Amino acid sequence: MTFDAFAKGLLDRFLAATPDGWRPKPAYEINFKINQSTLGRVLRDELSTTDTSLSTSQRQYIDDRELYSVFTARLTEQCVPRSASSLHVAAHDLWKYFLRRGKSSELNFQMIARLAELILRTNAALTEALRTAYSFVFLDEFQDTSSVHYDLLLTAFCGSTSVVTAVGDNKQRVNKWAGALEGIFEKYQTAFAADRQCLRMNFRSAPELVRIQGFFAAAIDNTTPPAMARPDASGGECKAFSFASHVDEAKYVAASVKGWIEAQKLQPRDVCILCRQLPATYGELLRTELARVGLPARVENELQDLLAEPLTELVIATLRLAGGGKHSSSWHTAVEYLCTLKGVLTDKQEIIATDLLDKFTSLLHLTFEVKPPTSETISGVVDEIIKFYGEDALRSAFPQYTQGQFFQETVKAIADQLEGRLATQDLLTALNDLEGLGSIPIMTMHKSKGLEYHSVVFIGLEDSALWGFAKEPLEETCGFFVALSRAKERVWFTFSKTRPDRKGNVGVQQRTSIRKIYDLLAQAGVAVEVIRSP
């Protein structure tokens, strides 16, 4: 589970153990708008004089960034002392405001993590029970852990007998903007007296790509030993191109991708289009050109979060079974969820559970043969599937569904996505389309973390795309490293002298502020090839 899901599970289960003054109302709501940009406005414009002891002038001069930093800091068991600064008073008053607001409290996930940490810190017996429950703790993508989550980890497991293993790569630290803690591995190594192991073998990328990645790895962290390609690997291709216009770029890339797929017998999802930001904008013309050569493509950012939800995975697997045909992976998924939700512990119970699933999907299949689901009826079908597995069981099993409207919103989003597709497609085609089978994914480099593709094309290696490079060159270089390391066999980077913005206005592009990236490519032997207009 994610840190946020772990924290929310603790808070929901042990909410009554929250110290007085910090305890949210049981039916709290998740409010994603509680962030740095809005907290100051709430302090100045929404807090009444009865909600705070600070004067209007005191509130006016509080810095929003400093306020949010204190607001999300570790909570004290006692209330704020009278001698506290205006900043600390403001943060405390805002906590009280969101905890007591209306009929239900309002929390964001950083607040939830702080409350979960406070519960553990003030309940030794509960913390000991947690440590007993989890003898082994594995922390993935640890380089992006925030200070909020790191404090929760320390309180939960530091000093315990639990075996804690953290895995990550500082060269892929791209969440500084979200609070990723600098020097996280050193802090962890000291706190947990951890043995540090350097994993050097790269099992993903071809040797040539591993070699080129080494130049960027050294620029990011020159203390890390160079990676090695797997012994049985060979080849690899890395190229950079410059185009006179984004139109030429789209045509050239689309034709090239078409050639790769045909020549190397690739599937569309073996290829990925990456960009730094605004995938719908950067990929719009390319998507049109890909469609023109018979290759559907779609922006993954729009659906990636929904497809990652357990509810979505469960509904899709069940619909595939009901739709007919052999779907062993769908059967395995549905059985695994059903056994988890029903608390299956014995072989006999598993046989009973699988028999129930078989009868349910067979009945749906017979119903679909008589009356296939349509855009008008799919919402009811989704509800029947939820009813079969049990809404209460689903809410209990997954912390994100426990409070608020997220469960209903997710169910509606699934039905809406299917509804739009079933207007023109049959069920299995609609499911394939929803999961993106047969289409080329277009996404930001941040969304690509943890994924891998045969071939990757990064479009828009330009100043305007990597606009934060001048201020945060290290983090942007890490982001570039993430994009570079997604590829197994081939990676291309493109620059276009013209590029439309989100409003459609075409502007001239430069690569001056990100010159360091091009210099590193040149050092690695990757020269920019200029593609002339046809």
Protein backbone atom coordinates (compact mmCIF):
# COMPACT_ATOMS: atom_id res chain seq x y z
CA MET A 1 0.00 0.00 0.00
CA THR A 2 1.03 3.62 -0.29
CA PHE A 3 2.16 5.62 2.74
CA ASP A 4 -1.11 7.55 2.50
CA ALA A 5 -3.20 4.37 2.51
CA PHE A 6 -1.19 3.03 5.45
CA ALA A 7 -1.72 6.26 7.40
CA LYS A 8 -5.42 6.45 6.57
CA GLY A 9 -5.91 2.85 7.64
CA LEU A 10 -4.34 3.63 11.02
CA LEU A 11 -6.42 6.77 11.52
CA ASP A 12 -9.70 5.12 10.54
CA ARG A 13 -9.10 2.07 12.71
CA PHE A 14 -7.79 3.88 15.77
CA LEU A 15 -9.43 7.29 15.45
CA ALA A 16 -10.73 7.08 19.03
CA ALA A 17 -7.12 6.87 20.23
CA THR A 18 -6.29 10.30 18.80
CA PRO A 19 -5.41 12.71 21.65
CA ASP A 20 -8.11 15.20 22.66
CA GLY A 21 -7.93 18.38 20.68
CA TRP A 22 -6.62 16.60 17.58
CA ARG A 23 -9.40 14.05 17.06
CA PRO A 24 -11.31 14.49 13.79
CA LYS A 25 -14.99 13.69 13.51
CA PRO A 26 -15.61 10.08 12.40
CA ALA A 27 -17.19 11.07 9.08
CA TYR A 28 -14.30 13.29 7.96
CA GLU A 29 -13.91 14.39 4.36
CA ILE A 30 -10.79 14.35 2.19
CA ASN A 31 -10.15 17.91 1.02
CA PHE A 32 -7.45 18.08 -1.66
CA LYS A 33 -7.72 21.88 -1.71
CA ILE A 34 -5.95 22.17 1.64
CA ASN A 35 -2.54 23.08 0.26
CA GLN A 36 0.08 25.79 0.36
CA SER A 37 -1.63 28.01 -2.18
CA THR A 38 -4.97 28.06 -0.36
CA LEU A 39 -3.98 27.86 3.31
CA GLY A 40 -2.91 31.50 3.51
CA ARG A 41 -6.13 32.61 1.86
CA VAL A 42 -8.17 30.62 4.39
CA LEU A 43 -6.20 32.20 7.23
CA ARG A 44 -6.74 35.74 5.96
CA ASP A 45 -10.21 35.54 4.46
CA GLU A 46 -12.16 32.69 6.07
CA LEU A 47 -11.11 32.48 9.70
CA SER A 48 -13.42 34.60 11.80
CA THR A 49 -12.15 36.50 14.85
CA THR A 50 -13.65 33.78 17.04
CA ASP A 51 -11.55 31.10 15.28
CA THR A 52 -8.20 32.77 15.96
CA SER A 53 -6.55 35.08 18.44
CA LEU A 54 -4.45 36.70 15.73
CA SER A 55 -5.29 40.18 14.56
CA THR A 56 -5.98 41.00 10.93
CA SER A 57 -2.57 42.65 10.56
CA GLN A 58 -0.77 39.64 12.09
CA ARG A 59 -2.46 37.30 9.65
CA GLN A 60 -1.69 39.58 6.72
CA TYR A 61 2.09 39.27 7.07
CA ILE A 62 2.38 35.49 7.48
CA ASP A 63 4.22 33.84 4.58
CA ASP A 64 2.17 31.09 2.88
CA ARG A 65 5.12 28.72 2.37
CA GLU A 66 6.32 29.05 5.96
CA LEU A 67 2.75 28.61 7.16
CA TYR A 68 2.25 25.34 5.31
CA SER A 69 5.61 24.04 6.50
CA VAL A 70 4.58 24.60 10.14
CA PHE A 71 1.02 23.38 9.46
CA THR A 72 2.31 20.01 8.22
CA ALA A 73 5.05 19.66 10.84
CA ARG A 74 5.02 16.99 13.56
CA LEU A 75 2.13 17.55 15.96
CA THR A 76 2.60 18.13 19.67
CA GLU A 77 0.39 16.24 22.06
CA GLN A 78 -0.48 19.41 23.94
CA CYS A 79 -2.11 22.51 22.52
CA VAL A 80 0.03 25.36 21.29
CA PRO A 81 1.61 27.35 24.21
CA ARG A 82 0.84 31.01 24.74
CA SER A 83 4.44 31.95 23.98
CA ALA A 84 4.23 30.48 20.46
CA SER A 85 4.96 32.66 17.44
CA SER A 86 2.20 34.05 15.23
CA LEU A 87 3.14 31.42 12.63
CA HIS A 88 2.60 28.52 15.05
CA VAL A 89 -0.60 30.05 16.40
CA ALA A 90 -1.91 30.43 12.84
CA ALA A 91 -1.07 26.79 12.01
CA HIS A 92 -2.77 25.54 15.17
CA ASP A 93 -5.87 27.67 14.59
CA LEU A 94 -6.13 26.34 11.04
CA TRP A 95 -5.95 22.77 12.34
CA LYS A 96 -8.81 23.50 14.74
CA TYR A 97 -10.76 25.15 11.92
CA PHE A 98 -10.50 22.11 9.59
CA LEU A 99 -11.10 19.61 12.41
CA ARG A 100 -14.28 21.38 13.55
CA ARG A 101 -15.52 22.73 10.21
CA GLY A 102 -19.22 22.06 9.59
CA LYS A 103 -20.71 18.65 10.23
CA SER A 104 -17.51 16.79 9.36
CA SER A 105 -13.79 17.43 9.66
CA GLU A 106 -11.76 18.17 6.53
CA LEU A 107 -8.31 16.65 6.11
CA ASN A 108 -5.73 16.27 3.36
CA PHE A 109 -3.40 13.28 3.28
CA GLN A 110 -0.50 15.08 4.93
CA MET A 111 -2.77 15.89 7.87
CA ILE A 112 -3.90 12.25 7.99
CA ALA A 113 -0.29 11.07 8.11
CA ARG A 114 0.49 13.49 10.94
CA LEU A 115 -2.52 12.29 12.93
CA ALA A 116 -1.55 8.64 12.36
CA GLU A 117 1.98 9.36 13.59
CA LEU A 118 0.58 11.13 16.67
CA ILE A 119 -1.65 8.14 17.45
CA LEU A 120 1.31 5.76 17.34
CA ARG A 121 3.59 8.10 19.30
CA THR A 122 1.09 8.44 22.13
CA ASN A 123 0.00 4.78 22.26
CA ALA A 124 2.88 2.44 23.06
CA ALA A 125 0.70 -0.68 23.15
CA LEU A 126 -0.79 0.08 19.75
CA THR A 127 2.67 0.70 18.25
CA GLU A 128 3.93 -2.58 19.68
CA ALA A 129 0.95 -4.41 18.19
CA LEU A 130 1.69 -2.84 14.78
CA ARG A 131 5.32 -3.93 14.94
CA THR A 132 4.25 -7.44 15.87
CA ALA A 133 1.87 -7.52 12.90
CA TYR A 134 4.54 -6.47 10.40
CA SER A 135 7.75 -8.43 10.89
CA PHE A 136 9.02 -7.30 7.50
CA VAL A 137 8.61 -3.85 5.95
CA PHE A 138 9.65 -3.11 2.36
CA LEU A 139 9.85 0.51 1.23
CA ASP A 140 9.85 1.07 -2.53
CA GLU A 141 10.76 4.29 -4.40
CA PHE A 142 12.21 5.46 -1.10
CA GLN A 143 14.01 8.44 -2.65
CA ASP A 144 10.63 10.22 -2.98
CA THR A 145 9.63 9.81 0.68
CA SER A 146 8.50 13.07 2.27
CA SER A 147 9.40 14.25 5.77
CA VAL A 148 5.78 13.62 6.82
CA HIS A 149 5.94 9.98 5.75
CA TYR A 150 9.48 9.51 7.06
CA ASP A 151 8.39 10.63 10.53
CA LEU A 152 5.54 8.12 10.38
CA LEU A 153 8.00 5.38 9.42
CA LEU A 154 10.33 6.29 12.30
CA THR A 155 7.58 6.26 14.89
CA ALA A 156 6.09 3.03 13.55
CA PHE A 157 9.22 0.90 13.13
CA CYS A 158 12.48 2.54 14.23
CA GLY A 159 13.92 0.62 17.18
CA SER A 160 11.70 -2.39 16.57
CA THR A 161 12.68 -5.94 15.67
CA SER A 162 10.94 -5.59 12.29
CA VAL A 163 13.25 -6.07 9.32
CA VAL A 164 12.98 -2.84 7.35
CA THR A 165 14.35 -2.63 3.79
CA ALA A 166 14.37 0.59 1.75
CA VAL A 167 15.00 0.51 -1.99
CA GLY A 168 15.35 3.51 -4.25
CA ASP A 169 17.55 5.58 -6.51
CA ASN A 170 18.59 9.16 -5.78
CA LYS A 171 19.03 9.65 -9.53
CA GLN A 172 15.25 9.28 -9.87
CA ARG A 173 14.31 11.74 -7.13
CA VAL A 174 11.72 13.83 -8.98
CA ASN A 175 9.26 14.68 -6.21
CA LYS A 176 11.10 17.49 -4.45
CA TRP A 177 8.12 19.68 -5.32
CA ALA A 178 5.94 17.25 -3.29
CA GLY A 179 8.25 17.32 -0.28
CA ALA A 180 10.72 14.51 -1.05
CA LEU A 181 13.23 14.63 1.79
CA GLU A 182 16.80 15.43 0.80
CA GLY A 183 19.43 12.99 2.07
CA ILE A 184 16.75 10.42 2.87
CA PHE A 185 19.04 7.39 2.56
CA GLU A 186 21.67 8.84 4.87
CA LYS A 187 19.02 9.69 7.45
CA TYR A 188 17.53 6.21 7.15
CA GLN A 189 20.92 4.50 7.37
CA THR A 190 21.72 6.36 10.61
CA ALA A 191 18.30 5.92 12.23
CA PHE A 192 17.94 2.21 11.44
CA ALA A 193 21.66 1.31 11.60
CA ALA A 194 21.13 -0.07 8.11
CA ASP A 195 23.57 -1.94 5.88
CA ARG A 196 23.84 -0.14 2.55
CA GLN A 197 23.99 -2.21 -0.61
CA CYS A 198 24.53 -0.81 -4.11
CA LEU A 199 22.59 -2.64 -6.81
CA ARG A 200 24.59 -2.25 -10.01
CA MET A 201 23.10 -4.65 -12.53
CA ASN A 202 20.66 -3.05 -14.98
CA PHE A 203 18.30 -5.77 -16.16
CA ARG A 204 16.12 -3.45 -18.25
CA SER A 205 18.17 -1.47 -20.74
CA ALA A 206 20.40 -2.56 -23.60
CA PRO A 207 24.17 -2.01 -23.08
CA GLU A 208 24.35 1.14 -25.21
CA LEU A 209 21.54 2.72 -23.21
CA VAL A 210 23.18 1.70 -19.93
CA ARG A 211 26.40 3.33 -21.13
CA ILE A 212 24.65 6.61 -21.94
CA GLN A 213 22.69 6.54 -18.69
CA GLY A 214 26.06 6.40 -16.94
CA PHE A 215 26.95 9.94 -18.04
CA PHE A 216 23.77 11.33 -16.49
CA ALA A 217 24.13 9.15 -13.40
CA ALA A 218 27.61 10.56 -12.78
CA ALA A 219 26.36 14.13 -13.28
CA ILE A 220 23.62 13.56 -10.69
CA ASP A 221 25.65 11.57 -8.15
CA ASN A 222 29.33 10.92 -8.87
CA THR A 223 29.67 8.70 -5.77
CA THR A 224 27.50 5.94 -7.21
CA PRO A 225 29.38 3.15 -9.02
CA PRO A 226 28.41 2.85 -12.70
CA ALA A 227 25.66 0.41 -13.60
CA MET A 228 26.33 -2.72 -15.64
CA ALA A 229 24.19 -4.19 -18.40
CA ARG A 230 23.13 -7.81 -18.08
CA PRO A 231 25.75 -10.13 -19.63
CA ASP A 232 23.44 -11.60 -22.27
CA ALA A 233 22.25 -8.20 -23.56
CA SER A 234 23.40 -6.41 -26.71
CA GLY A 235 22.69 -3.36 -28.84
CA GLY A 236 20.61 -0.32 -27.95
CA GLU A 237 19.87 2.99 -29.68
CA CYS A 238 19.78 6.56 -28.40
CA LYS A 239 19.21 9.49 -30.77
CA ALA A 240 18.35 13.19 -30.57
CA PHE A 241 16.65 15.11 -33.36
CA SER A 242 15.99 18.74 -34.25
CA PHE A 243 12.99 19.67 -36.43
CA ALA A 244 12.04 22.90 -38.11
CA SER A 245 8.47 22.61 -36.85
CA HIS A 246 6.25 20.50 -34.64
CA VAL A 247 4.40 19.41 -37.79
CA ASP A 248 7.57 17.88 -39.25
CA GLU A 249 8.31 16.31 -35.87
CA ALA A 250 4.90 14.63 -35.62
CA LYS A 251 5.04 13.23 -39.15
CA TYR A 252 8.58 11.91 -38.76
CA VAL A 253 7.97 10.30 -35.36
CA ALA A 254 4.66 8.73 -36.43
CA ALA A 255 6.20 7.22 -39.56
CA SER A 256 9.18 5.93 -37.54
CA VAL A 257 7.00 4.33 -34.87
CA LYS A 258 4.93 2.68 -37.60
CA GLY A 259 8.15 1.28 -39.08
CA TRP A 260 9.38 -0.05 -35.72
CA ILE A 261 6.13 -1.86 -35.02
CA GLU A 262 6.03 -3.48 -38.42
CA ALA A 263 9.72 -4.37 -38.70
CA GLN A 264 10.21 -5.63 -35.15
CA LYS A 265 6.74 -7.13 -34.62
CA LEU A 266 6.05 -4.85 -31.65
CA GLN A 267 2.73 -4.19 -29.99
CA PRO A 268 1.56 -0.55 -29.75
CA ARG A 269 2.06 -0.62 -25.97
CA ASP A 270 5.71 -1.54 -26.49
CA VAL A 271 6.18 2.11 -27.50
CA CYS A 272 5.68 5.10 -25.21
CA ILE A 273 5.57 8.84 -25.94
CA LEU A 274 6.88 10.93 -23.04
CA CYS A 275 6.95 14.66 -22.38
CA ARG A 276 7.85 16.82 -19.42
CA GLN A 277 4.37 18.32 -19.02
CA LEU A 278 1.01 18.86 -20.74
CA PRO A 279 0.84 15.52 -22.60
CA ALA A 280 -2.46 16.47 -24.24
CA THR A 281 -0.81 19.59 -25.70
CA TYR A 282 2.58 18.12 -26.65
CA GLY A 283 1.06 14.93 -27.99
CA GLU A 284 -2.00 16.33 -29.79
CA LEU A 285 -0.56 16.59 -33.30
CA LEU A 286 1.47 13.41 -32.91
CA ARG A 287 -1.67 11.54 -31.86
CA THR A 288 -3.35 12.75 -35.06
CA GLU A 289 -0.41 11.60 -37.19
CA LEU A 290 -0.26 8.23 -35.46
CA ALA A 291 -3.97 7.74 -36.14
CA ARG A 292 -3.36 8.64 -39.79
CA VAL A 293 -0.90 5.72 -40.10
CA GLY A 294 -3.28 3.37 -38.28
CA LEU A 295 -1.91 3.56 -34.75
CA PRO A 296 -4.27 4.69 -31.99
CA ALA A 297 -2.68 6.62 -29.12
CA ARG A 298 -4.05 8.16 -25.97
CA VAL A 299 -2.97 10.32 -23.05
CA GLU A 300 -2.48 7.96 -20.11
CA ASN A 301 -2.45 10.65 -17.43
CA GLU A 302 -6.21 10.97 -17.75
CA LEU A 303 -6.91 7.33 -16.87
CA GLN A 304 -3.80 6.05 -15.09
CA ASP A 305 -5.05 6.86 -11.60
CA LEU A 306 -8.50 5.36 -12.24
CA LEU A 307 -7.04 2.16 -13.72
CA ALA A 308 -4.81 1.77 -10.66
CA GLU A 309 -7.82 1.61 -8.32
CA PRO A 310 -8.76 -1.84 -6.91
CA LEU A 311 -12.40 -1.17 -7.78
CA THR A 312 -11.54 -0.62 -11.43
CA GLU A 313 -9.35 -3.71 -11.62
CA LEU A 314 -12.06 -5.82 -10.01
CA VAL A 315 -14.89 -4.55 -12.23
CA ILE A 316 -12.86 -4.99 -15.43
CA ALA A 317 -11.76 -8.52 -14.48
CA THR A 318 -15.33 -9.55 -13.66
CA LEU A 319 -16.74 -8.04 -16.85
CA ARG A 320 -14.13 -9.88 -18.92
CA LEU A 321 -15.17 -13.18 -17.30
CA ALA A 322 -18.84 -12.39 -17.92
CA GLY A 323 -18.13 -11.31 -21.49
CA GLY A 324 -16.99 -14.77 -22.49
CA GLY A 325 -13.71 -16.25 -23.68
CA LYS A 326 -10.73 -17.47 -21.69
CA HIS A 327 -9.24 -14.86 -19.42
CA SER A 328 -6.97 -16.65 -16.95
CA SER A 329 -5.47 -13.42 -15.61
CA SER A 330 -8.95 -11.98 -15.02
CA TRP A 331 -10.02 -15.16 -13.23
CA HIS A 332 -6.93 -15.03 -11.01
CA THR A 333 -7.56 -11.35 -10.22
CA ALA A 334 -11.24 -11.87 -9.39
CA VAL A 335 -10.55 -14.94 -7.23
CA GLU A 336 -7.78 -13.17 -5.34
CA TYR A 337 -10.01 -10.19 -4.56
CA LEU A 338 -12.98 -12.39 -3.61
CA CYS A 339 -10.91 -14.54 -1.23
CA THR A 340 -9.46 -11.42 0.38
CA LEU A 341 -12.85 -9.76 0.77
CA LYS A 342 -14.52 -12.91 2.12
CA GLY A 343 -11.69 -13.67 4.54
CA VAL A 344 -10.95 -17.04 2.96
CA LEU A 345 -8.44 -19.02 5.04
CA THR A 346 -8.90 -22.70 4.04
CA ASP A 347 -8.92 -24.68 0.80
CA LYS A 348 -12.57 -25.60 1.41
CA GLN A 349 -13.53 -21.93 1.77
CA GLU A 350 -11.63 -21.11 -1.43
CA ILE A 351 -13.56 -23.79 -3.35
CA ILE A 352 -16.84 -22.32 -2.09
CA ALA A 353 -15.73 -18.78 -3.04
CA THR A 354 -14.60 -19.73 -6.54
CA ASP A 355 -17.83 -21.64 -7.08
CA LEU A 356 -19.79 -18.50 -6.17
CA LEU A 357 -17.71 -16.45 -8.59
CA ASP A 358 -18.20 -18.98 -11.38
CA LYS A 359 -21.98 -18.99 -10.89
CA PHE A 360 -22.15 -15.19 -10.76
CA THR A 361 -20.08 -14.61 -13.92
CA SER A 362 -21.90 -17.43 -15.74
CA LEU A 363 -25.24 -15.82 -14.92
CA LEU A 364 -23.95 -12.46 -16.13
CA HIS A 365 -22.70 -14.13 -19.31
CA LEU A 366 -26.12 -15.64 -20.02
CA THR A 367 -27.73 -12.26 -19.34
CA PHE A 368 -25.28 -10.56 -21.71
CA GLU A 369 -26.07 -13.07 -24.47
CA VAL A 370 -29.74 -12.12 -24.28
CA LYS A 371 -29.17 -8.43 -23.63
CA PRO A 372 -25.58 -7.18 -24.00
CA PRO A 373 -24.72 -4.24 -21.71
CA THR A 374 -25.16 -0.85 -23.34
CA SER A 375 -24.29 2.71 -22.45
CA GLU A 376 -27.73 2.97 -20.85
CA THR A 377 -27.44 -0.19 -18.73
CA ILE A 378 -23.75 -0.43 -17.77
CA SER A 379 -24.17 1.61 -14.58
CA GLY A 380 -26.59 -1.01 -13.24
CA VAL A 381 -24.21 -3.82 -14.21
CA VAL A 382 -21.35 -2.17 -12.33
CA ASP A 383 -23.62 -1.81 -9.29
CA GLU A 384 -24.46 -5.54 -9.47
CA ILE A 385 -20.77 -6.41 -9.49
CA ILE A 386 -20.11 -4.18 -6.47
CA LYS A 387 -23.07 -5.80 -4.72
CA PHE A 388 -21.69 -9.30 -5.39
CA TYR A 389 -18.31 -8.57 -3.80
CA GLY A 390 -19.87 -6.44 -1.06
CA GLU A 391 -19.62 -2.67 -0.73
CA ASP A 392 -18.91 -2.87 3.00
CA ALA A 393 -16.17 -5.45 2.42
CA LEU A 394 -14.58 -3.30 -0.29
CA ARG A 395 -14.69 -0.21 1.90
CA SER A 396 -13.12 -2.10 4.80
CA ALA A 397 -10.41 -3.69 2.68
CA PHE A 398 -9.16 -0.48 1.05
CA PRO A 399 -8.58 2.59 3.26
CA GLN A 400 -9.16 5.09 0.45
CA TYR A 401 -12.81 4.00 0.27
CA THR A 402 -13.54 4.21 3.99
CA GLN A 403 -14.44 7.89 4.29
CA GLY A 404 -16.05 10.51 2.11
CA GLN A 405 -17.34 10.18 -1.43
CA PHE A 406 -14.31 8.59 -3.11
CA PHE A 407 -15.92 5.14 -3.31
CA GLN A 408 -19.03 6.48 -5.08
CA GLU A 409 -16.92 8.77 -7.27
CA THR A 410 -14.76 5.86 -8.38
CA VAL A 411 -17.77 3.65 -9.17
CA LYS A 412 -19.32 6.49 -11.18
CA ALA A 413 -16.05 7.16 -13.03
CA ILE A 414 -15.81 3.49 -14.04
CA ALA A 415 -19.41 3.47 -15.28
CA ASP A 416 -18.93 6.78 -17.12
CA GLN A 417 -15.81 5.54 -18.92
CA LEU A 418 -17.56 2.36 -20.00
CA GLU A 419 -20.73 4.22 -20.92
CA GLY A 420 -18.91 6.45 -23.39
CA ARG A 421 -17.26 3.46 -25.07
CA LEU A 422 -20.31 1.19 -25.17
CA ALA A 423 -22.11 3.78 -27.26
CA THR A 424 -19.99 2.63 -30.24
CA GLN A 425 -18.22 -0.57 -29.11
CA ASP A 426 -19.05 -4.04 -27.84
CA LEU A 427 -18.14 -4.96 -24.25
CA LEU A 428 -14.76 -6.60 -24.77
CA THR A 429 -13.65 -3.89 -27.20
CA ALA A 430 -14.73 -1.25 -24.69
CA LEU A 431 -12.75 -2.99 -21.93
CA ASN A 432 -9.68 -3.21 -24.15
CA ASP A 433 -10.04 0.44 -25.02
CA LEU A 434 -10.44 1.45 -21.38
CA GLU A 435 -7.26 -0.40 -20.43
CA GLY A 436 -5.48 1.05 -23.44
CA LEU A 437 -4.75 -2.30 -25.08
CA GLY A 438 -3.73 -1.70 -28.66
CA SER A 439 -2.98 2.00 -28.20
CA ILE A 440 0.31 3.85 -27.76
CA PRO A 441 0.53 5.54 -24.33
CA ILE A 442 1.34 9.24 -24.07
CA MET A 443 2.27 10.48 -20.61
CA THR A 444 4.51 12.74 -18.56
CA MET A 445 7.89 11.45 -17.47
CA HIS A 446 6.68 11.54 -13.84
CA LYS A 447 3.82 9.17 -14.66
CA SER A 448 6.25 6.78 -16.36
CA LYS A 449 8.16 5.98 -13.17
CA GLY A 450 8.25 2.24 -12.55
CA LEU A 451 7.21 1.43 -16.13
CA GLU A 452 9.29 0.16 -19.05
CA TYR A 453 8.93 0.07 -22.84
CA HIS A 454 10.81 -1.34 -25.78
CA SER A 455 11.03 2.12 -27.37
CA VAL A 456 10.56 5.57 -25.85
CA VAL A 457 10.20 8.91 -27.63
CA PHE A 458 10.61 12.01 -25.47
CA ILE A 459 9.09 14.93 -27.36
CA GLY A 460 9.87 18.54 -26.53
CA LEU A 461 13.37 18.57 -25.02
CA GLU A 462 13.14 22.36 -24.87
CA ASP A 463 13.52 25.27 -22.46
CA SER A 464 9.78 25.92 -22.26
CA ALA A 465 9.03 22.30 -21.34
CA LEU A 466 11.78 22.02 -18.72
CA TRP A 467 11.07 25.54 -17.47
CA GLY A 468 12.19 24.69 -13.94
CA PHE A 469 15.72 23.72 -15.02
CA ALA A 470 17.27 27.09 -14.24
CA LYS A 471 16.00 26.93 -10.65
CA GLU A 472 16.21 23.17 -10.04
CA PRO A 473 18.76 21.73 -12.50
CA LEU A 474 19.41 18.63 -10.43
CA GLU A 475 15.75 17.63 -10.15
CA GLU A 476 15.12 18.27 -13.85
CA THR A 477 18.19 16.18 -14.72
CA CYS A 478 16.78 13.42 -12.51
CA GLY A 479 13.52 13.67 -14.43
CA PHE A 480 15.42 13.34 -17.70
CA PHE A 481 17.21 10.29 -16.27
CA VAL A 482 13.82 8.73 -15.46
CA ALA A 483 12.72 9.22 -19.08
CA LEU A 484 16.01 7.86 -20.43
CA SER A 485 15.90 4.78 -18.21
CA ARG A 486 12.34 3.72 -19.20
CA ALA A 487 13.64 2.33 -22.51
CA LYS A 488 14.75 -1.25 -23.01
CA GLU A 489 16.09 -0.99 -26.57
CA ARG A 490 15.55 2.47 -28.03
CA VAL A 491 15.10 6.06 -26.86
CA TRP A 492 14.69 9.19 -28.97
CA PHE A 493 14.65 12.85 -27.91
CA THR A 494 13.18 15.58 -30.07
CA PHE A 495 13.49 19.34 -30.31
CA SER A 496 11.23 21.49 -32.47
CA LYS A 497 11.87 25.12 -33.38
CA THR A 498 8.14 25.74 -33.13
CA ARG A 499 5.64 24.45 -30.58
CA PRO A 500 2.04 25.40 -29.74
CA ASP A 501 1.16 26.17 -26.12
CA ARG A 502 -2.00 24.99 -24.38
CA LYS A 503 -3.95 27.83 -25.99
CA GLY A 504 -2.79 26.86 -29.46
CA ASN A 505 -0.43 29.79 -29.90
CA VAL A 506 2.69 28.69 -31.78
CA GLY A 507 5.95 30.00 -30.34
CA VAL A 508 9.65 29.75 -31.14
CA GLN A 509 11.53 27.26 -28.94
CA GLN A 510 15.03 27.38 -27.49
CA ARG A 511 17.37 24.93 -25.77
CA THR A 512 19.64 27.40 -24.03
CA SER A 513 18.79 26.98 -20.34
CA ILE A 514 18.85 23.17 -20.66
CA ARG A 515 22.17 23.20 -22.53
CA LYS A 516 23.66 20.95 -19.82
CA ILE A 517 21.42 18.07 -20.91
CA TYR A 518 22.49 18.41 -24.53
CA ASP A 519 26.13 18.69 -23.42
CA LEU A 520 25.82 15.42 -21.49
CA LEU A 521 24.26 13.74 -24.52
CA ALA A 522 27.15 15.02 -26.64
CA GLN A 523 29.69 13.70 -24.13
CA ALA A 524 27.99 10.32 -24.43
CA GLY A 525 28.38 10.49 -28.22
CA VAL A 526 24.79 11.40 -29.02
CA ALA A 527 24.84 14.25 -31.53
CA VAL A 528 21.68 16.13 -32.49
CA GLU A 529 20.55 15.13 -35.99
CA VAL A 530 18.86 17.91 -37.94
CA ILE A 531 15.85 16.64 -39.88
CA ARG A 532 15.06 18.78 -42.90
CA SER A 533 11.49 19.46 -43.96
CA PRO A 534 10.36 17.07 -46.69
